[in-house]
N, C-alpha and C. Protein backbone atom coordinates (compact mmCIF):
# COMPACT_ATOMS: atom_id res chain seq x y z
N MET A 1 0.83 -1.19 0.00
CA MET A 1 0.00 0.00 0.00
C MET A 1 0.87 1.24 0.00
N VAL A 2 0.31 2.31 -0.57
CA VAL A 2 0.92 3.63 -0.49
C VAL A 2 -0.04 4.49 0.31
N GLU A 3 0.45 5.10 1.39
CA GLU A 3 -0.43 5.85 2.28
C GLU A 3 0.33 7.00 2.93
N PRO A 4 -0.41 8.02 3.44
CA PRO A 4 0.25 9.10 4.17
C PRO A 4 0.94 8.56 5.42
N ARG A 5 1.97 9.26 5.86
CA ARG A 5 2.69 8.80 7.06
C ARG A 5 1.84 8.93 8.31
N TYR A 6 0.90 9.87 8.31
CA TYR A 6 -0.08 9.97 9.39
C TYR A 6 -1.28 10.71 8.85
N ALA A 7 -2.38 10.74 9.57
CA ALA A 7 -3.60 11.39 9.10
C ALA A 7 -3.35 12.87 8.84
N GLY A 8 -3.50 13.30 7.58
CA GLY A 8 -3.30 14.69 7.23
C GLY A 8 -1.89 15.03 6.78
N SER A 9 -1.03 14.04 6.63
CA SER A 9 0.36 14.30 6.21
C SER A 9 0.45 14.39 4.69
N ASP A 10 1.35 15.25 4.21
CA ASP A 10 1.62 15.31 2.77
C ASP A 10 2.79 14.41 2.39
N GLN A 11 3.33 13.68 3.36
CA GLN A 11 4.38 12.71 3.11
C GLN A 11 3.76 11.32 2.99
N THR A 12 4.18 10.55 1.98
CA THR A 12 3.67 9.20 1.80
C THR A 12 4.80 8.18 1.91
N HIS A 13 4.43 6.94 2.11
CA HIS A 13 5.43 5.87 2.11
C HIS A 13 4.79 4.59 1.59
N LEU A 14 5.64 3.73 1.05
CA LEU A 14 5.23 2.43 0.53
C LEU A 14 5.40 1.41 1.64
N GLN A 15 4.36 0.60 1.85
CA GLN A 15 4.40 -0.37 2.94
C GLN A 15 3.86 -1.71 2.47
N PHE A 16 4.52 -2.78 2.89
CA PHE A 16 4.07 -4.14 2.60
C PHE A 16 3.61 -4.77 3.91
N GLU A 17 2.45 -5.39 3.91
CA GLU A 17 2.00 -6.06 5.12
C GLU A 17 1.07 -7.21 4.77
N PRO A 18 1.07 -8.27 5.60
CA PRO A 18 0.19 -9.41 5.33
C PRO A 18 -1.25 -9.07 5.67
N VAL A 19 -2.17 -9.68 4.94
CA VAL A 19 -3.60 -9.52 5.20
C VAL A 19 -4.20 -10.92 5.33
N PHE A 20 -4.98 -11.15 6.37
CA PHE A 20 -5.62 -12.45 6.51
C PHE A 20 -7.02 -12.29 7.07
N SER A 21 -7.85 -13.28 6.78
CA SER A 21 -9.21 -13.31 7.30
C SER A 21 -9.61 -14.77 7.51
N VAL A 22 -10.04 -15.10 8.71
CA VAL A 22 -10.47 -16.46 9.05
C VAL A 22 -11.88 -16.38 9.62
N GLN A 23 -12.80 -17.19 9.10
CA GLN A 23 -14.17 -17.20 9.60
C GLN A 23 -14.65 -18.63 9.78
N ARG A 24 -15.34 -18.86 10.89
CA ARG A 24 -15.96 -20.16 11.12
C ARG A 24 -17.20 -19.93 11.97
N GLY A 25 -18.37 -20.05 11.34
CA GLY A 25 -19.60 -19.76 12.05
C GLY A 25 -19.67 -18.29 12.44
N ILE A 26 -19.93 -18.02 13.71
CA ILE A 26 -20.01 -16.63 14.17
C ILE A 26 -18.66 -16.08 14.58
N LEU A 27 -17.62 -16.90 14.57
CA LEU A 27 -16.28 -16.47 14.98
C LEU A 27 -15.48 -15.98 13.78
N PHE A 28 -14.66 -14.95 13.99
CA PHE A 28 -13.81 -14.48 12.91
C PHE A 28 -12.55 -13.84 13.50
N ALA A 29 -11.54 -13.75 12.68
CA ALA A 29 -10.31 -13.00 13.00
C ALA A 29 -9.74 -12.48 11.70
N ASP A 30 -9.45 -11.18 11.65
CA ASP A 30 -8.83 -10.63 10.44
C ASP A 30 -8.01 -9.40 10.81
N THR A 31 -7.26 -8.90 9.82
CA THR A 31 -6.34 -7.80 10.08
C THR A 31 -7.04 -6.45 10.15
N MET A 32 -8.28 -6.37 9.70
CA MET A 32 -9.01 -5.10 9.71
C MET A 32 -9.80 -4.90 11.00
N ARG A 33 -10.44 -5.96 11.49
CA ARG A 33 -11.33 -5.84 12.65
C ARG A 33 -10.82 -6.55 13.89
N GLY A 34 -9.76 -7.31 13.80
CA GLY A 34 -9.28 -8.06 14.94
C GLY A 34 -10.00 -9.39 15.07
N ALA A 35 -10.28 -9.81 16.30
CA ALA A 35 -10.93 -11.10 16.56
C ALA A 35 -12.23 -10.86 17.32
N GLY A 36 -13.28 -11.60 16.92
CA GLY A 36 -14.55 -11.39 17.61
C GLY A 36 -15.66 -12.26 17.08
N LEU A 37 -16.89 -11.76 17.25
CA LEU A 37 -18.11 -12.48 16.88
C LEU A 37 -18.88 -11.67 15.85
N GLN A 38 -19.58 -12.38 14.95
CA GLN A 38 -20.40 -11.70 13.96
C GLN A 38 -21.71 -12.46 13.77
N TYR A 39 -22.75 -11.72 13.39
CA TYR A 39 -24.06 -12.33 13.17
C TYR A 39 -24.71 -11.67 11.97
N GLN A 40 -25.29 -12.47 11.08
CA GLN A 40 -25.93 -11.94 9.88
C GLN A 40 -27.27 -12.61 9.67
N THR A 41 -28.27 -11.80 9.32
CA THR A 41 -29.62 -12.32 9.08
C THR A 41 -29.83 -12.58 7.60
N SER A 42 -30.94 -13.25 7.29
CA SER A 42 -31.28 -13.53 5.90
C SER A 42 -31.81 -12.29 5.18
N TRP A 43 -32.17 -11.24 5.95
CA TRP A 43 -32.70 -10.02 5.33
C TRP A 43 -31.68 -8.89 5.26
N GLY A 44 -30.38 -9.24 5.34
CA GLY A 44 -29.33 -8.28 5.04
C GLY A 44 -28.74 -7.52 6.20
N PHE A 45 -29.24 -7.74 7.42
CA PHE A 45 -28.68 -7.05 8.59
C PHE A 45 -27.52 -7.85 9.16
N SER A 46 -26.45 -7.17 9.53
CA SER A 46 -25.30 -7.84 10.15
C SER A 46 -24.71 -6.97 11.25
N ILE A 47 -24.12 -7.62 12.23
CA ILE A 47 -23.46 -6.92 13.33
C ILE A 47 -22.26 -7.74 13.78
N SER A 48 -21.19 -7.07 14.12
CA SER A 48 -20.01 -7.76 14.64
C SER A 48 -19.40 -6.96 15.78
N GLU A 49 -18.77 -7.67 16.69
CA GLU A 49 -18.09 -7.07 17.84
C GLU A 49 -16.74 -7.74 17.96
N SER A 50 -15.68 -6.93 18.02
CA SER A 50 -14.34 -7.52 18.04
C SER A 50 -13.38 -6.63 18.81
N ILE A 51 -12.21 -7.17 19.06
CA ILE A 51 -11.13 -6.42 19.72
C ILE A 51 -9.89 -6.49 18.82
N TYR A 52 -9.30 -5.33 18.55
CA TYR A 52 -8.06 -5.28 17.80
C TYR A 52 -7.13 -4.27 18.47
N TYR A 53 -5.95 -4.08 17.89
CA TYR A 53 -4.98 -3.17 18.50
C TYR A 53 -4.80 -1.94 17.61
N ASP A 54 -5.03 -0.77 18.18
CA ASP A 54 -4.80 0.51 17.51
C ASP A 54 -3.36 0.94 17.81
N TRP A 55 -2.54 1.10 16.77
CA TRP A 55 -1.11 1.37 16.96
C TRP A 55 -0.82 2.83 17.34
N GLY A 56 -1.82 3.69 17.33
CA GLY A 56 -1.59 5.08 17.71
C GLY A 56 -0.74 5.81 16.68
N ARG A 57 0.17 6.66 17.16
CA ARG A 57 1.03 7.43 16.26
C ARG A 57 2.31 7.78 17.00
N VAL A 58 3.43 7.79 16.29
CA VAL A 58 4.72 8.15 16.88
C VAL A 58 5.19 9.48 16.31
N ASP A 59 6.15 10.12 16.98
CA ASP A 59 6.62 11.43 16.53
C ASP A 59 7.91 11.34 15.73
N HIS A 60 8.03 10.23 14.97
CA HIS A 60 9.15 10.05 14.06
C HIS A 60 8.71 9.11 12.95
N SER A 61 9.46 9.08 11.87
CA SER A 61 9.13 8.18 10.76
C SER A 61 9.38 6.74 11.18
N ASP A 62 8.40 5.88 10.95
CA ASP A 62 8.47 4.49 11.39
C ASP A 62 7.99 3.59 10.26
N THR A 63 8.55 2.38 10.20
CA THR A 63 8.17 1.46 9.13
C THR A 63 6.75 0.96 9.27
N TRP A 64 6.32 0.68 10.51
CA TRP A 64 5.04 0.03 10.71
C TRP A 64 3.97 0.93 11.31
N ARG A 65 4.35 1.89 12.13
CA ARG A 65 3.35 2.72 12.81
C ARG A 65 3.23 4.09 12.13
N PRO A 66 2.04 4.68 12.15
CA PRO A 66 1.90 6.04 11.61
C PRO A 66 2.81 7.01 12.36
N GLY A 67 3.41 7.96 11.65
CA GLY A 67 4.29 8.92 12.29
C GLY A 67 5.24 9.55 11.29
N SER A 68 5.87 10.66 11.70
CA SER A 68 6.78 11.37 10.81
C SER A 68 7.77 12.17 11.64
N ASN A 69 8.98 12.36 11.10
CA ASN A 69 9.96 13.21 11.77
C ASN A 69 9.47 14.64 11.91
N ARG A 70 8.52 15.04 11.08
CA ARG A 70 7.94 16.37 11.16
C ARG A 70 7.22 16.59 12.50
N LEU A 71 6.82 15.52 13.15
CA LEU A 71 6.11 15.60 14.43
C LEU A 71 7.05 15.54 15.63
N ALA A 72 8.36 15.64 15.41
CA ALA A 72 9.33 15.54 16.50
C ALA A 72 8.98 16.51 17.62
N GLY A 73 8.90 15.98 18.84
CA GLY A 73 8.54 16.79 20.00
C GLY A 73 7.08 16.69 20.37
N MET A 74 6.24 16.17 19.49
CA MET A 74 4.82 16.02 19.79
C MET A 74 4.57 14.90 20.79
N GLY A 75 5.51 13.95 20.88
CA GLY A 75 5.27 12.78 21.71
C GLY A 75 4.38 11.79 20.97
N ASP A 76 4.27 10.59 21.52
CA ASP A 76 3.50 9.54 20.87
C ASP A 76 2.04 9.59 21.28
N VAL A 77 1.17 9.22 20.35
CA VAL A 77 -0.22 8.88 20.69
C VAL A 77 -0.17 7.40 21.04
N PRO A 78 -0.37 7.04 22.31
CA PRO A 78 -0.15 5.65 22.73
C PRO A 78 -1.11 4.68 22.06
N GLY A 79 -0.61 3.49 21.74
CA GLY A 79 -1.46 2.45 21.20
C GLY A 79 -2.38 1.89 22.26
N SER A 80 -3.40 1.16 21.82
CA SER A 80 -4.37 0.65 22.77
C SER A 80 -5.16 -0.50 22.16
N ALA A 81 -5.51 -1.48 22.99
CA ALA A 81 -6.53 -2.45 22.60
C ALA A 81 -7.83 -1.68 22.39
N THR A 82 -8.56 -2.03 21.35
CA THR A 82 -9.73 -1.24 20.95
C THR A 82 -10.93 -2.14 20.70
N LEU A 83 -12.09 -1.71 21.21
CA LEU A 83 -13.34 -2.40 20.96
C LEU A 83 -13.94 -1.87 19.66
N HIS A 84 -14.22 -2.78 18.74
CA HIS A 84 -14.70 -2.40 17.40
C HIS A 84 -16.10 -2.97 17.17
N THR A 85 -17.04 -2.08 16.84
CA THR A 85 -18.41 -2.48 16.54
C THR A 85 -18.76 -2.10 15.11
N LEU A 86 -19.30 -3.04 14.35
CA LEU A 86 -19.72 -2.79 12.97
C LEU A 86 -21.16 -3.24 12.79
N ILE A 87 -22.00 -2.32 12.33
CA ILE A 87 -23.41 -2.61 12.04
C ILE A 87 -23.67 -2.25 10.59
N ALA A 88 -24.28 -3.16 9.84
CA ALA A 88 -24.54 -2.92 8.41
C ALA A 88 -25.92 -3.43 8.03
N GLN A 89 -26.50 -2.79 7.03
CA GLN A 89 -27.78 -3.22 6.47
C GLN A 89 -27.71 -3.15 4.96
N GLN A 90 -27.92 -4.30 4.31
CA GLN A 90 -27.98 -4.33 2.85
C GLN A 90 -29.43 -4.09 2.45
N PHE A 91 -29.68 -2.95 1.79
CA PHE A 91 -31.04 -2.58 1.40
C PHE A 91 -31.46 -3.19 0.08
N CYS A 92 -30.48 -3.43 -0.79
CA CYS A 92 -30.74 -4.07 -2.07
C CYS A 92 -29.42 -4.68 -2.54
N PRO A 93 -29.42 -5.45 -3.62
CA PRO A 93 -28.18 -6.11 -4.04
C PRO A 93 -27.02 -5.16 -4.31
N TRP A 94 -27.31 -3.88 -4.57
CA TRP A 94 -26.22 -2.97 -4.95
C TRP A 94 -25.95 -1.86 -3.92
N PHE A 95 -26.66 -1.83 -2.79
CA PHE A 95 -26.41 -0.78 -1.80
C PHE A 95 -26.44 -1.31 -0.37
N THR A 96 -25.39 -0.98 0.39
CA THR A 96 -25.29 -1.34 1.80
C THR A 96 -24.87 -0.13 2.60
N ALA A 97 -25.57 0.15 3.68
CA ALA A 97 -25.19 1.23 4.60
C ALA A 97 -24.59 0.60 5.85
N SER A 98 -23.61 1.29 6.43
CA SER A 98 -22.95 0.73 7.62
C SER A 98 -22.44 1.83 8.53
N ILE A 99 -22.21 1.45 9.78
CA ILE A 99 -21.63 2.36 10.76
C ILE A 99 -20.65 1.56 11.61
N GLU A 100 -19.48 2.13 11.85
CA GLU A 100 -18.45 1.50 12.68
C GLU A 100 -18.10 2.43 13.83
N ALA A 101 -17.88 1.86 15.00
CA ALA A 101 -17.48 2.63 16.16
C ALA A 101 -16.29 1.95 16.83
N ASP A 102 -15.28 2.75 17.18
CA ASP A 102 -14.09 2.24 17.85
C ASP A 102 -13.90 2.97 19.18
N SER A 103 -13.65 2.20 20.23
CA SER A 103 -13.44 2.78 21.55
C SER A 103 -12.19 2.17 22.16
N ASP A 104 -11.18 3.00 22.44
CA ASP A 104 -9.94 2.50 23.03
C ASP A 104 -10.16 2.03 24.45
N LEU A 105 -9.56 0.89 24.79
CA LEU A 105 -9.74 0.29 26.10
C LEU A 105 -8.59 0.59 27.05
N ARG A 106 -7.58 1.30 26.58
CA ARG A 106 -6.43 1.62 27.42
C ARG A 106 -6.83 2.63 28.48
N SER A 107 -6.44 2.37 29.70
CA SER A 107 -6.76 3.28 30.81
C SER A 107 -6.12 4.64 30.55
N GLY A 108 -6.94 5.70 30.58
CA GLY A 108 -6.44 7.05 30.36
C GLY A 108 -6.52 7.50 28.92
N ALA A 109 -6.72 6.57 27.98
CA ALA A 109 -6.81 6.95 26.56
C ALA A 109 -8.24 7.34 26.22
N SER A 110 -9.16 6.39 26.32
CA SER A 110 -10.60 6.65 26.14
C SER A 110 -10.89 7.46 24.89
N ARG A 111 -10.25 7.10 23.76
CA ARG A 111 -10.52 7.78 22.51
C ARG A 111 -11.61 7.03 21.76
N ASN A 112 -12.54 7.76 21.16
CA ASN A 112 -13.64 7.14 20.43
C ASN A 112 -13.81 7.82 19.07
N HIS A 113 -14.00 7.02 18.03
CA HIS A 113 -14.33 7.61 16.73
C HIS A 113 -15.29 6.71 15.97
N VAL A 114 -16.00 7.33 15.01
CA VAL A 114 -17.09 6.67 14.30
C VAL A 114 -16.95 6.93 12.80
N ARG A 115 -17.21 5.88 12.01
CA ARG A 115 -17.33 6.02 10.56
C ARG A 115 -18.75 5.64 10.17
N ALA A 116 -19.39 6.46 9.35
CA ALA A 116 -20.73 6.15 8.85
C ALA A 116 -20.76 6.41 7.35
N GLY A 117 -21.33 5.47 6.60
CA GLY A 117 -21.36 5.66 5.16
C GLY A 117 -22.08 4.55 4.43
N GLY A 118 -21.83 4.47 3.13
CA GLY A 118 -22.51 3.48 2.31
C GLY A 118 -21.60 2.94 1.22
N GLU A 119 -21.95 1.76 0.72
CA GLU A 119 -21.21 1.09 -0.35
C GLU A 119 -22.16 0.79 -1.50
N ILE A 120 -21.77 1.20 -2.70
CA ILE A 120 -22.58 0.97 -3.91
C ILE A 120 -21.81 0.04 -4.84
N THR A 121 -22.44 -1.05 -5.23
CA THR A 121 -21.84 -1.97 -6.20
C THR A 121 -22.22 -1.49 -7.59
N VAL A 122 -21.22 -1.11 -8.38
CA VAL A 122 -21.49 -0.55 -9.71
C VAL A 122 -21.31 -1.58 -10.82
N LEU A 123 -20.62 -2.69 -10.52
CA LEU A 123 -20.42 -3.72 -11.53
C LEU A 123 -20.23 -5.07 -10.86
N THR A 124 -20.94 -6.08 -11.36
CA THR A 124 -20.76 -7.44 -10.89
C THR A 124 -20.82 -8.38 -12.08
N THR A 125 -19.75 -9.16 -12.29
CA THR A 125 -19.73 -10.19 -13.32
C THR A 125 -19.27 -11.49 -12.67
N GLY A 126 -19.05 -12.50 -13.49
CA GLY A 126 -18.61 -13.77 -12.94
C GLY A 126 -17.23 -13.71 -12.31
N THR A 127 -16.41 -12.74 -12.74
CA THR A 127 -15.03 -12.67 -12.23
C THR A 127 -14.68 -11.32 -11.61
N ASP A 128 -15.55 -10.33 -11.78
CA ASP A 128 -15.18 -8.99 -11.32
C ASP A 128 -16.29 -8.34 -10.51
N LYS A 129 -15.86 -7.51 -9.55
CA LYS A 129 -16.79 -6.71 -8.76
C LYS A 129 -16.16 -5.36 -8.48
N ILE A 130 -16.88 -4.29 -8.78
CA ILE A 130 -16.40 -2.93 -8.53
C ILE A 130 -17.38 -2.24 -7.60
N THR A 131 -16.87 -1.70 -6.51
CA THR A 131 -17.71 -1.01 -5.53
C THR A 131 -17.16 0.38 -5.27
N VAL A 132 -18.07 1.27 -4.88
CA VAL A 132 -17.72 2.65 -4.51
C VAL A 132 -18.18 2.89 -3.08
N ASP A 133 -17.29 3.43 -2.25
CA ASP A 133 -17.61 3.73 -0.85
C ASP A 133 -17.61 5.23 -0.64
N MET A 134 -18.54 5.71 0.18
CA MET A 134 -18.58 7.11 0.60
C MET A 134 -18.82 7.15 2.10
N ASP A 135 -17.94 7.83 2.84
CA ASP A 135 -17.98 7.78 4.29
C ASP A 135 -17.74 9.14 4.93
N THR A 136 -18.25 9.29 6.15
CA THR A 136 -17.93 10.43 7.01
C THR A 136 -17.24 9.90 8.26
N TRP A 137 -16.36 10.72 8.85
CA TRP A 137 -15.54 10.30 9.99
C TRP A 137 -15.71 11.30 11.14
N TRP A 138 -15.95 10.79 12.32
CA TRP A 138 -16.22 11.61 13.50
C TRP A 138 -15.35 11.14 14.66
N GLY A 139 -14.87 12.09 15.46
CA GLY A 139 -14.09 11.75 16.65
C GLY A 139 -14.59 12.52 17.86
N ASP A 140 -14.46 11.91 19.03
CA ASP A 140 -14.79 12.67 20.23
C ASP A 140 -13.65 13.62 20.57
N GLN A 141 -13.78 14.39 21.63
CA GLN A 141 -12.79 15.42 21.94
C GLN A 141 -11.40 14.82 22.14
N LYS A 142 -11.30 13.67 22.83
CA LYS A 142 -10.00 13.08 23.10
C LYS A 142 -9.37 12.51 21.83
N TYR A 143 -10.19 11.94 20.96
CA TYR A 143 -9.64 11.40 19.71
C TYR A 143 -9.12 12.53 18.82
N ASN A 144 -9.94 13.56 18.60
CA ASN A 144 -9.51 14.67 17.74
C ASN A 144 -8.32 15.41 18.32
N GLN A 145 -8.26 15.54 19.65
CA GLN A 145 -7.13 16.20 20.27
C GLN A 145 -5.86 15.39 20.07
N ALA A 146 -5.97 14.05 20.21
CA ALA A 146 -4.80 13.18 20.09
C ALA A 146 -4.21 13.23 18.68
N TYR A 147 -5.07 13.24 17.65
CA TYR A 147 -4.58 13.12 16.28
C TYR A 147 -4.48 14.43 15.51
N PHE A 148 -5.19 15.47 15.97
CA PHE A 148 -5.16 16.74 15.25
C PHE A 148 -4.83 17.94 16.14
N GLY A 149 -4.90 17.77 17.45
CA GLY A 149 -4.67 18.87 18.37
C GLY A 149 -3.21 19.07 18.73
N VAL A 150 -2.91 20.24 19.27
CA VAL A 150 -1.57 20.58 19.77
C VAL A 150 -1.77 21.26 21.11
N THR A 151 -1.29 20.65 22.19
CA THR A 151 -1.42 21.25 23.51
C THR A 151 -0.39 22.37 23.67
N PRO A 152 -0.58 23.27 24.64
CA PRO A 152 0.43 24.30 24.88
C PRO A 152 1.82 23.72 25.13
N THR A 153 1.90 22.58 25.83
CA THR A 153 3.19 21.95 26.07
C THR A 153 3.82 21.47 24.77
N GLN A 154 3.02 20.84 23.92
CA GLN A 154 3.52 20.40 22.62
C GLN A 154 3.94 21.58 21.76
N ALA A 155 3.17 22.67 21.83
CA ALA A 155 3.50 23.87 21.05
C ALA A 155 4.85 24.44 21.47
N ALA A 156 5.13 24.42 22.77
CA ALA A 156 6.40 24.95 23.26
C ALA A 156 7.58 24.09 22.81
N ARG A 157 7.34 22.79 22.65
CA ARG A 157 8.43 21.89 22.24
C ARG A 157 8.66 21.87 20.74
N THR A 158 7.62 22.16 19.95
CA THR A 158 7.70 21.93 18.51
C THR A 158 7.69 23.19 17.65
N GLY A 159 7.11 24.25 18.13
CA GLY A 159 6.93 25.43 17.29
C GLY A 159 5.59 25.46 16.59
N PHE A 160 4.80 24.35 16.63
CA PHE A 160 3.44 24.39 16.14
C PHE A 160 2.62 25.30 17.06
N ARG A 161 1.65 25.98 16.50
CA ARG A 161 0.76 26.76 17.35
C ARG A 161 -0.20 25.82 18.08
N ALA A 162 -0.63 26.22 19.27
CA ALA A 162 -1.56 25.40 20.03
C ALA A 162 -2.90 25.34 19.30
N TYR A 163 -3.53 24.18 19.37
CA TYR A 163 -4.80 23.99 18.67
C TYR A 163 -5.63 22.95 19.40
N SER A 164 -6.87 23.30 19.71
CA SER A 164 -7.78 22.39 20.40
C SER A 164 -9.03 22.22 19.56
N PRO A 165 -9.17 21.11 18.83
CA PRO A 165 -10.25 20.97 17.86
C PRO A 165 -11.62 20.67 18.45
N GLY A 166 -11.67 20.04 19.61
CA GLY A 166 -12.96 19.62 20.14
C GLY A 166 -13.48 18.41 19.39
N GLY A 167 -14.61 17.88 19.81
CA GLY A 167 -15.17 16.70 19.18
C GLY A 167 -16.06 17.04 18.00
N GLY A 168 -16.22 16.06 17.07
CA GLY A 168 -17.11 16.26 15.93
C GLY A 168 -16.54 15.72 14.64
N LEU A 169 -17.17 16.09 13.54
CA LEU A 169 -16.77 15.65 12.20
C LEU A 169 -15.37 16.16 11.87
N TYR A 170 -14.50 15.25 11.34
CA TYR A 170 -13.17 15.70 10.96
C TYR A 170 -12.79 15.35 9.52
N ALA A 171 -13.54 14.48 8.84
CA ALA A 171 -13.18 14.14 7.46
C ALA A 171 -14.34 13.44 6.76
N TYR A 172 -14.28 13.46 5.43
CA TYR A 172 -15.10 12.55 4.64
C TYR A 172 -14.21 11.91 3.60
N SER A 173 -14.63 10.77 3.08
CA SER A 173 -13.79 10.04 2.13
C SER A 173 -14.64 9.36 1.08
N ALA A 174 -14.02 9.06 -0.05
CA ALA A 174 -14.65 8.30 -1.12
C ALA A 174 -13.60 7.39 -1.72
N GLY A 175 -14.02 6.18 -2.06
CA GLY A 175 -13.06 5.23 -2.60
C GLY A 175 -13.70 4.28 -3.59
N VAL A 176 -12.86 3.65 -4.40
CA VAL A 176 -13.32 2.64 -5.34
C VAL A 176 -12.46 1.39 -5.18
N GLU A 177 -13.10 0.21 -5.26
CA GLU A 177 -12.39 -1.06 -5.10
C GLU A 177 -12.77 -2.00 -6.23
N TRP A 178 -11.76 -2.65 -6.80
CA TRP A 178 -11.97 -3.63 -7.87
C TRP A 178 -11.43 -4.98 -7.40
N ASP A 179 -12.32 -5.95 -7.29
CA ASP A 179 -11.95 -7.32 -6.92
C ASP A 179 -12.08 -8.20 -8.16
N HIS A 180 -11.01 -8.91 -8.47
CA HIS A 180 -10.97 -9.75 -9.67
C HIS A 180 -10.61 -11.19 -9.29
N THR A 181 -11.47 -12.13 -9.68
CA THR A 181 -11.23 -13.54 -9.42
C THR A 181 -10.39 -14.13 -10.54
N VAL A 182 -9.24 -14.70 -10.19
CA VAL A 182 -8.34 -15.29 -11.18
C VAL A 182 -8.64 -16.78 -11.35
N SER A 183 -8.84 -17.47 -10.23
CA SER A 183 -9.15 -18.90 -10.24
C SER A 183 -9.92 -19.25 -8.98
N ARG A 184 -10.12 -20.51 -8.74
CA ARG A 184 -10.87 -20.95 -7.56
C ARG A 184 -10.26 -20.42 -6.27
N HIS A 185 -8.94 -20.35 -6.20
CA HIS A 185 -8.26 -19.95 -4.97
C HIS A 185 -7.66 -18.55 -5.03
N TRP A 186 -7.32 -18.07 -6.21
CA TRP A 186 -6.57 -16.82 -6.32
C TRP A 186 -7.46 -15.67 -6.77
N SER A 187 -7.21 -14.48 -6.20
CA SER A 187 -7.92 -13.26 -6.62
C SER A 187 -7.02 -12.06 -6.34
N THR A 188 -7.39 -10.92 -6.90
CA THR A 188 -6.65 -9.68 -6.68
C THR A 188 -7.60 -8.58 -6.24
N THR A 189 -7.06 -7.61 -5.53
CA THR A 189 -7.83 -6.45 -5.08
C THR A 189 -7.03 -5.18 -5.34
N LEU A 190 -7.68 -4.20 -5.96
CA LEU A 190 -7.09 -2.87 -6.14
C LEU A 190 -8.05 -1.86 -5.50
N GLN A 191 -7.50 -0.94 -4.72
CA GLN A 191 -8.35 0.02 -4.00
C GLN A 191 -7.67 1.39 -4.00
N LEU A 192 -8.47 2.43 -4.21
CA LEU A 192 -8.00 3.80 -4.11
C LEU A 192 -9.01 4.59 -3.28
N VAL A 193 -8.52 5.28 -2.24
CA VAL A 193 -9.38 6.05 -1.35
C VAL A 193 -8.83 7.46 -1.21
N GLY A 194 -9.69 8.45 -1.39
CA GLY A 194 -9.32 9.83 -1.16
C GLY A 194 -10.01 10.35 0.08
N THR A 195 -9.28 11.07 0.92
CA THR A 195 -9.84 11.61 2.17
C THR A 195 -9.67 13.12 2.19
N ARG A 196 -10.75 13.81 2.54
CA ARG A 196 -10.73 15.27 2.67
C ARG A 196 -10.92 15.63 4.13
N TYR A 197 -9.90 16.30 4.71
CA TYR A 197 -9.97 16.71 6.12
C TYR A 197 -10.67 18.06 6.21
N ILE A 198 -11.71 18.11 7.02
CA ILE A 198 -12.55 19.29 7.13
C ILE A 198 -12.81 19.58 8.61
N ALA A 199 -13.59 20.62 8.86
CA ALA A 199 -14.12 20.93 10.20
C ALA A 199 -13.03 20.86 11.26
N LYS A 200 -13.10 19.88 12.15
CA LYS A 200 -12.21 19.82 13.31
C LYS A 200 -10.74 19.61 12.93
N ALA A 201 -10.47 18.97 11.79
CA ALA A 201 -9.08 18.72 11.39
C ALA A 201 -8.53 19.80 10.47
N HIS A 202 -9.41 20.55 9.82
CA HIS A 202 -8.99 21.48 8.78
C HIS A 202 -8.02 22.56 9.29
N GLY A 203 -8.23 23.05 10.50
CA GLY A 203 -7.39 24.12 11.03
C GLY A 203 -6.18 23.65 11.80
N SER A 204 -5.94 22.35 11.84
CA SER A 204 -4.82 21.82 12.62
C SER A 204 -3.48 22.17 11.99
N PRO A 205 -2.51 22.64 12.77
CA PRO A 205 -1.19 22.96 12.20
C PRO A 205 -0.40 21.74 11.78
N ILE A 206 -0.78 20.54 12.24
CA ILE A 206 -0.05 19.33 11.84
C ILE A 206 -0.66 18.69 10.60
N VAL A 207 -1.84 19.15 10.17
CA VAL A 207 -2.43 18.67 8.92
C VAL A 207 -1.84 19.50 7.79
N THR A 208 -0.91 18.91 7.05
CA THR A 208 -0.19 19.63 6.00
C THR A 208 -0.79 19.40 4.61
N ASP A 209 -1.76 18.51 4.52
CA ASP A 209 -2.46 18.28 3.25
C ASP A 209 -3.91 17.94 3.58
N ASN A 210 -4.83 18.79 3.18
CA ASN A 210 -6.24 18.56 3.49
C ASN A 210 -6.87 17.47 2.62
N VAL A 211 -6.20 17.05 1.55
CA VAL A 211 -6.67 15.95 0.71
C VAL A 211 -5.55 14.92 0.59
N THR A 212 -5.81 13.70 1.02
CA THR A 212 -4.81 12.65 0.95
C THR A 212 -5.39 11.43 0.25
N PHE A 213 -4.48 10.54 -0.22
CA PHE A 213 -4.90 9.35 -0.96
C PHE A 213 -4.20 8.12 -0.41
N ASN A 214 -4.93 7.02 -0.37
CA ASN A 214 -4.39 5.70 -0.03
C ASN A 214 -4.61 4.78 -1.22
N ALA A 215 -3.61 4.02 -1.60
CA ALA A 215 -3.74 3.05 -2.68
C ALA A 215 -3.28 1.69 -2.17
N VAL A 216 -4.08 0.66 -2.47
CA VAL A 216 -3.79 -0.69 -1.99
C VAL A 216 -3.87 -1.67 -3.15
N ALA A 217 -2.88 -2.56 -3.26
CA ALA A 217 -2.91 -3.66 -4.20
C ALA A 217 -2.67 -4.95 -3.40
N ALA A 218 -3.57 -5.92 -3.56
CA ALA A 218 -3.46 -7.15 -2.77
C ALA A 218 -3.61 -8.37 -3.67
N LEU A 219 -2.83 -9.39 -3.36
CA LEU A 219 -2.95 -10.70 -3.99
C LEU A 219 -3.49 -11.65 -2.93
N ASN A 220 -4.62 -12.28 -3.21
CA ASN A 220 -5.32 -13.07 -2.20
C ASN A 220 -5.35 -14.55 -2.57
N TYR A 221 -5.21 -15.40 -1.54
CA TYR A 221 -5.36 -16.85 -1.71
C TYR A 221 -6.38 -17.34 -0.70
N SER A 222 -7.44 -17.99 -1.16
CA SER A 222 -8.49 -18.49 -0.29
C SER A 222 -8.43 -20.02 -0.20
N PHE A 223 -8.55 -20.54 1.01
CA PHE A 223 -8.53 -21.99 1.21
C PHE A 223 -9.95 -22.56 1.12
């Protein structure tokens, strides 16, 4: 994947990482949602509850964790085990609405953020599927302060001006994904997502690009 070094950064980096998903009945484990339970009805409603690890952010460039040398002196946003809830409703074969909520379980962190949006399937064939996602992103006061805010202490150490965003909407995004089946076991995924930082994140001195892009290419093998 090619992605910004942190939310709102104009610096990008290329990263390779494994992706896996295991499901058996109501149990699942994957790299996106962690490990947990899921339930789906015959009329398109689904809900899942899981725990995964949020890596936070560091104040230097890192291979695996979000961060940049530009943030030197900001200190780290500590990682935390996180409770992840996903609720979705498929209204018709080509449209699904969903909402995700994440709440950090680390004592003293208590950061919460929410994604709400929809997925439209624009093409389905025997070997290909193309979908478009449109989402809004919301954070509570602690989440927005951690990722977009600058405390007076941080301002004194870094030269960034102090900034306190408060809770609320901080971004919206749109993306397109193409899944192609090569054979019974092999498939590929290409994804491009653009994010526009607005409202609570727009005035942050550490947000150096209000529009960022993520690109993902994956080779998948299913057992």
